[in-house]
Structures are given as structure tokens and as C-alpha cells.
N, C-alpha and C. Protein backbone atom coordinates (compact mmCIF):
# COMPACT_ATOMS: atom_id res chain seq x y z
N MET A 1 96.83 99.60 100.63
CA MET A 1 96.91 100.49 99.47
C MET A 1 98.37 100.82 99.14
N ILE A 2 98.72 100.72 97.87
CA ILE A 2 100.09 101.00 97.45
C ILE A 2 100.45 102.45 97.71
N GLU A 3 99.49 103.35 97.47
CA GLU A 3 99.76 104.78 97.66
C GLU A 3 100.22 105.07 99.09
N VAL A 4 99.57 104.46 100.06
CA VAL A 4 99.92 104.70 101.46
C VAL A 4 101.35 104.24 101.72
N MET A 5 101.71 103.07 101.20
CA MET A 5 103.06 102.55 101.40
C MET A 5 104.09 103.49 100.80
N LEU A 6 103.80 104.05 99.63
CA LEU A 6 104.74 104.96 98.99
C LEU A 6 104.89 106.24 99.81
N VAL A 7 103.78 106.77 100.30
CA VAL A 7 103.83 108.01 101.08
C VAL A 7 104.68 107.82 102.32
N GLU A 8 104.57 106.65 102.96
CA GLU A 8 105.32 106.40 104.19
C GLU A 8 106.82 106.41 103.93
N LYS A 9 107.22 106.14 102.68
CA LYS A 9 108.65 106.09 102.34
C LYS A 9 109.19 107.45 101.93
N LEU A 10 108.30 108.40 101.69
CA LEU A 10 108.74 109.72 101.26
C LEU A 10 109.22 110.54 102.44
N THR A 11 110.04 111.53 102.12
CA THR A 11 110.44 112.48 103.16
C THR A 11 109.25 113.39 103.45
N LYS A 12 109.32 114.14 104.53
CA LYS A 12 108.21 115.02 104.90
C LYS A 12 107.92 116.01 103.79
N LYS A 13 108.94 116.59 103.19
CA LYS A 13 108.73 117.58 102.14
C LYS A 13 108.06 116.94 100.93
N GLN A 14 108.54 115.77 100.54
CA GLN A 14 107.94 115.08 99.40
C GLN A 14 106.48 114.76 99.68
N GLU A 15 106.19 114.40 100.94
CA GLU A 15 104.81 114.08 101.31
C GLU A 15 103.93 115.32 101.18
N GLU A 16 104.47 116.47 101.61
CA GLU A 16 103.70 117.71 101.50
C GLU A 16 103.39 118.03 100.04
N ILE A 17 104.40 117.84 99.17
CA ILE A 17 104.21 118.10 97.74
C ILE A 17 103.17 117.15 97.17
N LEU A 18 103.28 115.88 97.53
CA LEU A 18 102.33 114.89 97.02
C LEU A 18 100.91 115.23 97.47
N ASN A 19 100.76 115.59 98.73
CA ASN A 19 99.44 115.95 99.25
C ASN A 19 98.88 117.16 98.52
N TYR A 20 99.75 118.13 98.21
CA TYR A 20 99.32 119.33 97.49
C TYR A 20 98.80 118.96 96.10
N ILE A 21 99.55 118.10 95.41
CA ILE A 21 99.15 117.68 94.07
C ILE A 21 97.81 116.93 94.12
N VAL A 22 97.66 116.05 95.09
CA VAL A 22 96.41 115.30 95.22
C VAL A 22 95.23 116.24 95.45
N GLU A 23 95.44 117.25 96.29
CA GLU A 23 94.38 118.21 96.56
C GLU A 23 94.04 119.01 95.30
N GLU A 24 95.06 119.40 94.55
CA GLU A 24 94.84 120.14 93.31
C GLU A 24 94.08 119.28 92.31
N GLN A 25 94.41 118.00 92.24
CA GLN A 25 93.69 117.09 91.35
C GLN A 25 92.23 116.99 91.76
N ALA A 26 91.99 116.94 93.07
CA ALA A 26 90.62 116.85 93.58
C ALA A 26 89.84 118.11 93.23
N ASN A 27 90.54 119.23 93.14
CA ASN A 27 89.90 120.50 92.80
C ASN A 27 89.76 120.67 91.29
N GLY A 28 90.29 119.72 90.52
CA GLY A 28 90.12 119.75 89.08
C GLY A 28 91.14 120.60 88.36
N HIS A 29 92.26 120.93 89.01
CA HIS A 29 93.27 121.77 88.38
C HIS A 29 94.22 120.98 87.49
N TYR A 30 94.22 119.66 87.67
CA TYR A 30 95.06 118.79 86.83
C TYR A 30 94.19 117.71 86.22
N PRO A 31 94.55 117.21 85.05
CA PRO A 31 93.77 116.15 84.40
C PRO A 31 93.81 114.85 85.19
């Protein structure tokens, strides 16, 4: 999966932000 490869290249902070956004999307807070 491309997403996994990208996450592995991110810094820890960027990964935390990305995970937060993904969770918010799953909760329907973003389109």
C-alpha cells in the first residue's frame, strides 16, 4: 500500500497528525 510507505517516511509528529486526520475522516468530520 502506498499509504503505508508514505507514513514510514514521515516524522513521528507528522505521523500523529496524519493518524488524527484519518480518524476524523472515519468519524465523518471531513468530506
